[in-house]
Amino acid sequence: MAKKKATTVSVKDRLRALYQLQMIDSEIDKIRIVRGELPLEIEDLEDLIAGLQTRLDKFNSELEAINNEILTKKNAILDADALVKKYEKQLKNIKNNREFSSLTKEIEYKGLEIQLNEKHISEFNAKVLHKEEVINELKSQIKDREEELDLKNKELAEIIKETEKEEKALMKKSEKAKEIIEERLLATYNRIRSKVKNGLAVVSIERESCGGYKIPPQQQLDIRMHKKILVCENCGRILVDATTLFD
């Protein structure tokens, strides 16, 4: 259905449509308030889990690199040990002091190399224990957060299921109410709604006042006549008189 031309709709009709739109949107707001902070809490949990997973991936990569270093050092020890055995065997067949001295130094050097690699392995093993401790803690945190996220998703899904039909019906009514409101006025309405905590852009005067502020008599009369769109000088909301708006 096409939106009616603004020039063919009276000010009172536009104000009535605005007021109805406000009532409908307020009901939609109430439904969404029921969901509370759940969507934001879910988003925060998802971000937290992603951050923890990134840290876990980093520590797993570091652990893999350390284990590779340990394997390299163990292979180096095996190679050095094999050479030591080879040199010790050759010593039995040495015929001069120079060769004996040379092989003895090689054996001594390989022994020191083995000791150094064993020291490095010991240091790496300590790092492995630390990394594994952190990894296990991160896994535990991720598991806890995922369980919490699952509960909150189920809770939100249940709330949405309970309110989805009503919200859709209200959204249709909201769109219908917008059909006779020109874009400029609708933009003003949306702008005001976005700036106030309770989302009330259109309010009805009560006891000759708006939000506790007394409205001058002449302005009260203008509001009741519904001949022009008026806003509160104090809060900036659009003013109507609901008692006469639907006469």
Protein backbone atom coordinates (compact mmCIF):
# COMPACT_ATOMS: atom_id res chain seq x y z
CA MET A 1 0.00 0.00 0.00
CA ALA A 2 1.45 3.33 -1.06
CA LYS A 3 1.90 6.08 1.50
CA LYS A 4 -0.70 8.82 1.27
CA LYS A 5 0.34 12.28 0.19
CA ALA A 6 1.09 14.44 3.23
CA THR A 7 -1.04 17.25 1.78
CA THR A 8 -4.17 15.04 1.84
CA VAL A 9 -3.78 14.15 5.54
CA SER A 10 -4.86 16.60 8.23
CA VAL A 11 -2.54 17.57 11.06
CA LYS A 12 -4.87 15.83 13.51
CA ASP A 13 -4.74 12.62 11.47
CA ARG A 14 -0.96 12.80 11.36
CA LEU A 15 -0.78 13.40 15.11
CA ARG A 16 -3.21 10.55 15.69
CA ALA A 17 -1.04 8.29 13.51
CA LEU A 18 2.06 9.44 15.38
CA TYR A 19 0.45 8.77 18.75
CA GLN A 20 -0.73 5.33 17.62
CA LEU A 21 2.74 4.62 16.25
CA GLN A 22 4.20 5.62 19.62
CA MET A 23 1.83 3.29 21.48
CA ILE A 24 2.72 0.42 19.15
CA ASP A 25 6.46 1.09 19.31
CA SER A 26 6.26 1.29 23.11
CA GLU A 27 4.71 -2.18 23.17
CA ILE A 28 7.52 -3.44 20.92
CA ASP A 29 10.02 -1.80 23.29
CA LYS A 30 8.46 -3.66 26.24
CA ILE A 31 8.83 -6.97 24.42
CA ARG A 32 12.46 -6.25 23.67
CA ILE A 33 13.09 -5.16 27.24
CA VAL A 34 11.96 -8.62 28.33
CA ARG A 35 15.00 -9.94 26.46
CA GLY A 36 17.01 -7.61 28.64
CA GLU A 37 20.74 -7.63 28.19
CA LEU A 38 20.80 -11.19 26.86
CA PRO A 39 21.78 -10.31 23.26
CA LEU A 40 24.64 -8.13 24.52
CA GLU A 41 25.69 -10.75 27.08
CA ILE A 42 25.71 -13.37 24.32
CA GLU A 43 27.80 -11.12 22.09
CA ASP A 44 30.26 -10.45 24.95
CA LEU A 45 30.54 -14.18 25.65
CA GLU A 46 31.16 -14.93 21.98
CA ASP A 47 33.91 -12.29 21.90
CA LEU A 48 35.41 -13.68 25.12
CA ILE A 49 35.40 -17.24 23.78
CA ALA A 50 36.98 -16.07 20.52
CA GLY A 51 39.71 -14.29 22.50
CA LEU A 52 40.34 -17.34 24.68
CA GLN A 53 40.45 -19.57 21.59
CA THR A 54 43.00 -17.24 19.98
CA ARG A 55 45.17 -17.49 23.11
CA LEU A 56 44.72 -21.28 23.15
CA ASP A 57 45.78 -21.56 19.50
CA LYS A 58 48.84 -19.42 20.26
CA PHE A 59 49.90 -21.57 23.23
CA ASN A 60 49.28 -24.77 21.27
CA SER A 61 51.54 -23.47 18.48
CA GLU A 62 54.20 -22.54 21.03
CA LEU A 63 53.92 -25.96 22.67
CA GLU A 64 54.28 -27.68 19.30
CA ALA A 65 57.39 -25.59 18.56
CA ILE A 66 58.92 -26.51 21.96
CA ASN A 67 58.20 -30.21 21.42
CA ASN A 68 59.86 -29.97 18.02
CA GLU A 69 62.91 -28.40 19.70
CA ILE A 70 62.98 -31.23 22.24
CA LEU A 71 62.85 -33.79 19.44
CA THR A 72 65.69 -31.98 17.64
CA LYS A 73 67.80 -32.01 20.82
CA LYS A 74 67.08 -35.71 21.44
CA ASN A 75 68.13 -36.54 17.89
CA ALA A 76 71.29 -34.48 18.38
CA ILE A 77 72.04 -36.47 21.56
CA LEU A 78 71.53 -39.75 19.70
CA ASP A 79 73.86 -38.59 16.92
CA ALA A 80 76.50 -37.41 19.41
CA ASP A 81 76.20 -40.61 21.45
CA ALA A 82 76.65 -42.68 18.30
CA LEU A 83 79.81 -40.73 17.46
CA VAL A 84 81.14 -41.18 21.00
CA LYS A 85 80.73 -44.94 20.69
CA LYS A 86 82.38 -44.85 17.29
CA TYR A 87 85.34 -42.82 18.61
CA GLU A 88 85.69 -45.05 21.67
CA LYS A 89 85.88 -48.06 19.38
CA GLN A 90 88.51 -46.33 17.24
CA LEU A 91 90.57 -45.58 20.36
CA LYS A 92 91.25 -49.28 20.71
CA ASN A 93 93.08 -49.24 17.40
CA ILE A 94 95.02 -45.97 17.82
CA LYS A 95 98.77 -46.28 17.09
CA ASN A 96 100.05 -42.77 17.93
CA ASN A 97 99.51 -40.10 20.57
CA ARG A 98 98.31 -37.42 18.12
CA GLU A 99 95.36 -39.52 16.92
CA PHE A 100 94.62 -40.55 20.52
CA SER A 101 94.57 -36.92 21.65
CA SER A 102 92.40 -35.88 18.71
CA LEU A 103 89.79 -38.61 19.32
CA THR A 104 89.82 -37.96 23.07
CA LYS A 105 89.01 -34.30 22.43
CA GLU A 106 86.21 -35.28 20.04
CA ILE A 107 84.75 -37.62 22.65
CA GLU A 108 85.00 -34.88 25.28
CA TYR A 109 83.41 -32.34 22.92
CA LYS A 110 80.52 -34.69 22.07
CA GLY A 111 80.04 -35.38 25.78
CA LEU A 112 79.73 -31.65 26.44
CA GLU A 113 77.37 -31.38 23.48
CA ILE A 114 75.20 -34.14 24.97
CA GLN A 115 75.17 -32.42 28.39
CA LEU A 116 74.22 -29.09 26.82
CA ASN A 117 71.39 -30.68 24.85
CA GLU A 118 70.16 -32.49 27.96
CA LYS A 119 70.17 -29.17 29.82
CA HIS A 120 68.16 -27.58 27.00
CA ILE A 121 65.72 -30.50 27.05
CA SER A 122 65.29 -30.03 30.79
CA GLU A 123 64.54 -26.33 30.27
CA PHE A 124 62.17 -27.11 27.43
CA ASN A 125 60.36 -29.69 29.57
CA ALA A 126 59.79 -27.04 32.23
CA LYS A 127 58.33 -24.78 29.55
CA VAL A 128 56.14 -27.64 28.33
CA LEU A 129 54.71 -28.11 31.83
CA HIS A 130 53.95 -24.39 32.05
CA LYS A 131 52.37 -24.28 28.57
CA GLU A 132 50.28 -27.38 29.29
CA GLU A 133 49.09 -25.85 32.55
CA VAL A 134 48.02 -22.67 30.77
CA ILE A 135 46.44 -24.65 27.92
CA ASN A 136 44.41 -26.78 30.33
CA GLU A 137 43.24 -23.66 32.15
CA LEU A 138 42.23 -22.02 28.87
CA LYS A 139 40.37 -25.16 27.79
CA SER A 140 38.54 -25.16 31.11
CA GLN A 141 37.63 -21.48 30.74
CA ILE A 142 36.42 -22.01 27.16
CA LYS A 143 34.31 -25.00 28.25
CA ASP A 144 32.72 -22.99 31.07
CA ARG A 145 32.03 -20.00 28.82
CA GLU A 146 30.61 -22.23 26.07
CA GLU A 147 28.26 -23.86 28.55
CA GLU A 148 27.20 -20.42 29.77
CA LEU A 149 26.72 -19.26 26.18
CA ASP A 150 24.61 -22.31 25.39
CA LEU A 151 22.32 -21.59 28.35
CA LYS A 152 21.93 -17.95 27.39
CA ASN A 153 21.22 -18.82 23.75
CA LYS A 154 18.53 -21.27 24.87
CA GLU A 155 17.07 -18.67 27.22
CA LEU A 156 17.00 -16.04 24.47
CA ALA A 157 15.52 -18.51 21.97
CA GLU A 158 12.74 -19.32 24.42
CA ILE A 159 11.95 -15.64 24.99
CA ILE A 160 11.97 -14.94 21.26
CA LYS A 161 9.71 -17.93 20.66
CA GLU A 162 7.23 -16.62 23.24
CA THR A 163 7.18 -13.06 21.90
CA GLU A 164 7.95 -13.45 18.19
CA LYS A 165 4.32 -13.72 17.05
CA GLU A 166 3.23 -10.69 19.08
CA GLU A 167 6.23 -8.65 17.95
CA LYS A 168 5.59 -9.43 14.27
CA ALA A 169 1.93 -8.38 14.63
CA LEU A 170 2.97 -5.13 16.28
CA MET A 171 5.61 -4.50 13.61
CA LYS A 172 2.90 -4.79 10.93
CA LYS A 173 0.74 -2.30 12.83
CA SER A 174 3.76 0.00 13.17
CA GLU A 175 4.36 -0.06 9.40
CA LYS A 176 0.67 0.63 8.74
CA ALA A 177 0.70 3.62 11.10
CA LYS A 178 3.73 5.02 9.26
CA GLU A 179 1.85 5.06 5.93
CA ILE A 180 0.16 8.44 6.50
CA ILE A 181 3.16 10.10 8.15
CA GLU A 182 5.40 12.01 5.79
CA GLU A 183 9.08 11.11 5.80
CA ARG A 184 10.26 14.37 7.39
CA LEU A 185 7.90 13.99 10.36
CA LEU A 186 8.74 10.31 10.69
CA ALA A 187 12.43 11.14 10.68
CA THR A 188 11.81 13.66 13.47
CA TYR A 189 9.91 11.03 15.45
CA ASN A 190 12.73 8.49 15.05
CA ARG A 191 15.34 11.08 15.97
CA ILE A 192 13.55 12.01 19.19
CA ARG A 193 12.99 8.35 20.08
CA SER A 194 16.69 7.64 19.67
CA LYS A 195 17.62 10.42 22.10
CA VAL A 196 15.29 9.62 25.01
CA LYS A 197 15.75 6.70 27.41
CA ASN A 198 12.15 5.51 27.42
CA GLY A 199 11.72 5.88 23.65
CA LEU A 200 8.76 8.26 24.03
CA ALA A 201 8.82 10.76 21.17
CA VAL A 202 5.09 11.56 21.40
CA VAL A 203 3.53 12.29 24.79
CA SER A 204 0.07 13.33 25.93
CA ILE A 205 -0.19 16.31 28.27
CA GLU A 206 -1.36 15.45 31.75
CA ARG A 207 -2.60 17.93 34.36
CA GLU A 208 -1.72 20.78 32.02
CA SER A 209 1.95 19.80 32.03
CA CYS A 210 4.60 17.70 30.30
CA GLY A 211 6.96 15.76 32.53
CA GLY A 212 6.27 18.09 35.42
CA TYR A 213 6.73 21.28 33.39
CA LYS A 214 3.68 23.54 33.28
CA ILE A 215 2.45 24.30 29.76
CA PRO A 216 1.21 27.86 29.09
CA PRO A 217 -2.61 28.09 28.65
CA GLN A 218 -2.43 29.25 25.02
CA GLN A 219 -0.15 26.38 24.09
CA GLN A 220 -2.47 23.96 25.89
CA LEU A 221 -5.31 25.23 23.72
CA ASP A 222 -3.22 24.85 20.55
CA ILE A 223 -2.35 21.29 21.56
CA ARG A 224 -6.02 20.42 22.13
CA MET A 225 -6.99 21.94 18.78
CA HIS A 226 -4.50 19.70 16.96
CA LYS A 227 -4.08 22.24 14.19
CA LYS A 228 -0.30 22.15 14.22
CA ILE A 229 2.51 19.95 15.44
CA LEU A 230 3.99 21.28 18.68
CA VAL A 231 6.97 20.15 20.68
CA CYS A 232 7.73 20.60 24.36
CA GLU A 233 10.18 23.46 24.95
CA ASN A 234 11.75 21.51 27.83
CA CYS A 235 12.11 17.94 26.58
CA GLY A 236 11.67 18.33 22.79
CA ARG A 237 8.94 15.68 22.55
CA ILE A 238 5.90 16.03 20.29
CA LEU A 239 2.85 17.01 22.35
CA VAL A 240 -0.72 15.77 21.94
CA ASP A 241 -3.87 15.69 24.01
CA ALA A 242 -4.95 12.04 23.97
CA THR A 243 -8.34 12.90 25.49
CA THR A 244 -9.37 14.88 22.41
CA LEU A 245 -7.15 13.32 19.74
CA PHE A 246 -9.62 10.59 18.86
CA ASP A 247 -12.81 12.73 18.95
